[in-house]
Amino acid sequence: MTTASELKAKLESQNKEVGRIAHQIEERLETYADWPSKVRQHPFQSVGIAVVAGLALGGANRSLIQGAGKQVGSLLHAGLTASLVAAVNRAAQSSP
């Protein structure tokens, strides 16, 4: 049979563990939320990621508008890529 003091000790231990895990999650979220500084630290990699994302989004959008013709798809592709690169540049240039 478990005594009240044993239950209390177990609950306190679990509360500490939950607090530790919550702190780790908070630290990770802060790291992810600070993406502008990552862009400033790694501008070329950030532009590369933006280009790849633009190509992927452009390809997805191109498949959606196949009936509209190749020219519309390529224009959309170029526009999305340019928009993503511009957004990365703006983020890199802004200072918190």
C-alpha atoms as a PDB file:
ATOM      1  CA  MET A   1       0.000   0.000   0.000  1.00  0.00           C
ATOM      2  CA  THR A   2       1.282   3.463  -0.929  1.00  0.00           C
ATOM      3  CA  THR A   3       1.362   6.099   1.771  1.00  0.00           C
ATOM      4  CA  ALA A   4       0.406   9.727   1.334  1.00  0.00           C
ATOM      5  CA  SER A   5       4.030  10.851   1.685  1.00  0.00           C
ATOM      6  CA  GLU A   6       5.122   8.406  -1.034  1.00  0.00           C
ATOM      7  CA  LEU A   7       2.416   9.692  -3.359  1.00  0.00           C
ATOM      8  CA  LYS A   8       3.417  13.278  -2.623  1.00  0.00           C
ATOM      9  CA  ALA A   9       7.079  12.496  -3.350  1.00  0.00           C
ATOM     10  CA  LYS A  10       6.141  10.773  -6.607  1.00  0.00           C
ATOM     11  CA  LEU A  11       3.974  13.709  -7.692  1.00  0.00           C
ATOM     12  CA  GLU A  12       6.749  16.179  -6.891  1.00  0.00           C
ATOM     13  CA  SER A  13       9.192  14.107  -8.923  1.00  0.00           C
ATOM     14  CA  GLN A  14       6.817  13.983 -11.867  1.00  0.00           C
ATOM     15  CA  ASN A  15       6.162  17.723 -11.605  1.00  0.00           C
ATOM     16  CA  LYS A  16       9.903  18.389 -11.763  1.00  0.00           C
ATOM     17  CA  GLU A  17      10.190  16.155 -14.833  1.00  0.00           C
ATOM     18  CA  VAL A  18       7.277  17.908 -16.544  1.00  0.00           C
ATOM     19  CA  GLY A  19       8.862  21.278 -15.725  1.00  0.00           C
ATOM     20  CA  ARG A  20      12.196  20.147 -17.181  1.00  0.00           C
ATOM     21  CA  ILE A  21      10.530  18.935 -20.382  1.00  0.00           C
ATOM     22  CA  ALA A  22       8.488  22.145 -20.667  1.00  0.00           C
ATOM     23  CA  HIS A  23      11.698  24.179 -20.307  1.00  0.00           C
ATOM     24  CA  GLN A  24      13.371  22.170 -23.083  1.00  0.00           C
ATOM     25  CA  ILE A  25      10.374  22.721 -25.373  1.00  0.00           C
ATOM     26  CA  GLU A  26      10.412  26.440 -24.598  1.00  0.00           C
ATOM     27  CA  GLU A  27      14.111  26.672 -25.481  1.00  0.00           C
ATOM     28  CA  ARG A  28      13.538  24.882 -28.793  1.00  0.00           C
ATOM     29  CA  LEU A  29      10.616  27.151 -29.659  1.00  0.00           C
ATOM     30  CA  GLU A  30      12.722  30.231 -28.923  1.00  0.00           C
ATOM     31  CA  THR A  31      15.398  28.883 -31.261  1.00  0.00           C
ATOM     32  CA  TYR A  32      12.874  28.334 -34.060  1.00  0.00           C
ATOM     33  CA  ALA A  33      11.209  31.697 -33.475  1.00  0.00           C
ATOM     34  CA  ASP A  34      14.561  33.451 -33.962  1.00  0.00           C
ATOM     35  CA  TRP A  35      14.767  32.609 -37.675  1.00  0.00           C
ATOM     36  CA  PRO A  36      15.764  36.149 -38.766  1.00  0.00           C
ATOM     37  CA  SER A  37      19.066  35.848 -36.924  1.00  0.00           C
ATOM     38  CA  LYS A  38      19.632  32.460 -38.578  1.00  0.00           C
ATOM     39  CA  VAL A  39      19.070  34.107 -41.959  1.00  0.00           C
ATOM     40  CA  ARG A  40      21.609  36.832 -41.093  1.00  0.00           C
ATOM     41  CA  GLN A  41      24.125  34.225 -39.880  1.00  0.00           C
ATOM     42  CA  HIS A  42      23.703  32.040 -42.986  1.00  0.00           C
ATOM     43  CA  PRO A  43      22.560  34.271 -45.877  1.00  0.00           C
ATOM     44  CA  PHE A  44      23.685  32.035 -48.751  1.00  0.00           C
ATOM     45  CA  GLN A  45      22.139  28.917 -47.261  1.00  0.00           C
ATOM     46  CA  SER A  46      18.931  30.874 -46.615  1.00  0.00           C
ATOM     47  CA  VAL A  47      18.741  32.017 -50.214  1.00  0.00           C
ATOM     48  CA  GLY A  48      19.360  28.419 -51.312  1.00  0.00           C
ATOM     49  CA  ILE A  49      16.508  27.215 -49.127  1.00  0.00           C
ATOM     50  CA  ALA A  50      14.267  29.960 -50.511  1.00  0.00           C
ATOM     51  CA  VAL A  51      15.126  28.974 -54.080  1.00  0.00           C
ATOM     52  CA  VAL A  52      14.409  25.308 -53.418  1.00  0.00           C
ATOM     53  CA  ALA A  53      11.129  26.220 -51.729  1.00  0.00           C
ATOM     54  CA  GLY A  54      10.260  28.436 -54.685  1.00  0.00           C
ATOM     55  CA  LEU A  55      10.996  25.639 -57.106  1.00  0.00           C
ATOM     56  CA  ALA A  56       8.875  23.228 -55.079  1.00  0.00           C
ATOM     57  CA  LEU A  57       5.987  25.672 -54.759  1.00  0.00           C
ATOM     58  CA  GLY A  58       6.282  26.635 -58.387  1.00  0.00           C
ATOM     59  CA  GLY A  59       6.173  22.990 -59.414  1.00  0.00           C
ATOM     60  CA  ALA A  60       3.113  22.382 -57.254  1.00  0.00           C
ATOM     61  CA  ASN A  61       1.356  25.439 -58.638  1.00  0.00           C
ATOM     62  CA  ARG A  62       2.360  24.550 -62.189  1.00  0.00           C
ATOM     63  CA  SER A  63       0.687  21.153 -61.859  1.00  0.00           C
ATOM     64  CA  LEU A  64      -2.487  22.884 -60.686  1.00  0.00           C
ATOM     65  CA  ILE A  65      -2.638  25.113 -63.728  1.00  0.00           C
ATOM     66  CA  GLN A  66      -1.551  22.687 -66.436  1.00  0.00           C
ATOM     67  CA  GLY A  67      -4.463  23.684 -68.630  1.00  0.00           C
ATOM     68  CA  ALA A  68      -3.417  27.337 -68.591  1.00  0.00           C
ATOM     69  CA  GLY A  69      -0.248  26.643 -70.536  1.00  0.00           C
ATOM     70  CA  LYS A  70       3.476  26.539 -69.938  1.00  0.00           C
ATOM     71  CA  GLN A  71       4.003  30.293 -70.032  1.00  0.00           C
ATOM     72  CA  VAL A  72       1.657  30.969 -67.120  1.00  0.00           C
ATOM     73  CA  GLY A  73       3.316  28.208 -65.108  1.00  0.00           C
ATOM     74  CA  SER A  74       6.822  29.527 -65.711  1.00  0.00           C
ATOM     75  CA  LEU A  75       5.755  33.083 -64.851  1.00  0.00           C
ATOM     76  CA  LEU A  76       4.141  31.866 -61.638  1.00  0.00           C
ATOM     77  CA  HIS A  77       7.231  29.828 -60.829  1.00  0.00           C
ATOM     78  CA  ALA A  78       9.519  32.833 -61.342  1.00  0.00           C
ATOM     79  CA  GLY A  79       7.211  35.081 -59.310  1.00  0.00           C
ATOM     80  CA  LEU A  80       7.095  32.735 -56.325  1.00  0.00           C
ATOM     81  CA  THR A  81      10.846  32.253 -56.369  1.00  0.00           C
ATOM     82  CA  ALA A  82      11.413  35.999 -56.563  1.00  0.00           C
ATOM     83  CA  SER A  83       8.936  36.605 -53.725  1.00  0.00           C
ATOM     84  CA  LEU A  84      10.628  34.073 -51.472  1.00  0.00           C
ATOM     85  CA  VAL A  85      14.099  35.434 -52.185  1.00  0.00           C
ATOM     86  CA  ALA A  86      12.848  38.985 -51.537  1.00  0.00           C
ATOM     87  CA  ALA A  87      11.286  37.906 -48.233  1.00  0.00           C
ATOM     88  CA  VAL A  88      14.534  36.267 -47.133  1.00  0.00           C
ATOM     89  CA  ASN A  89      16.487  39.388 -48.100  1.00  0.00           C
ATOM     90  CA  ARG A  90      14.079  41.610 -46.155  1.00  0.00           C
ATOM     91  CA  ALA A  91      14.395  39.366 -43.117  1.00  0.00           C
ATOM     92  CA  ALA A  92      18.172  39.387 -43.366  1.00  0.00           C
ATOM     93  CA  GLN A  93      18.289  43.159 -43.594  1.00  0.00           C
ATOM     94  CA  SER A  94      15.877  43.888 -40.754  1.00  0.00           C
ATOM     95  CA  SER A  95      17.424  44.099 -37.349  1.00  0.00           C
ATOM     96  CA  PRO A  96      15.493  43.114 -34.214  1.00  0.00           C
END
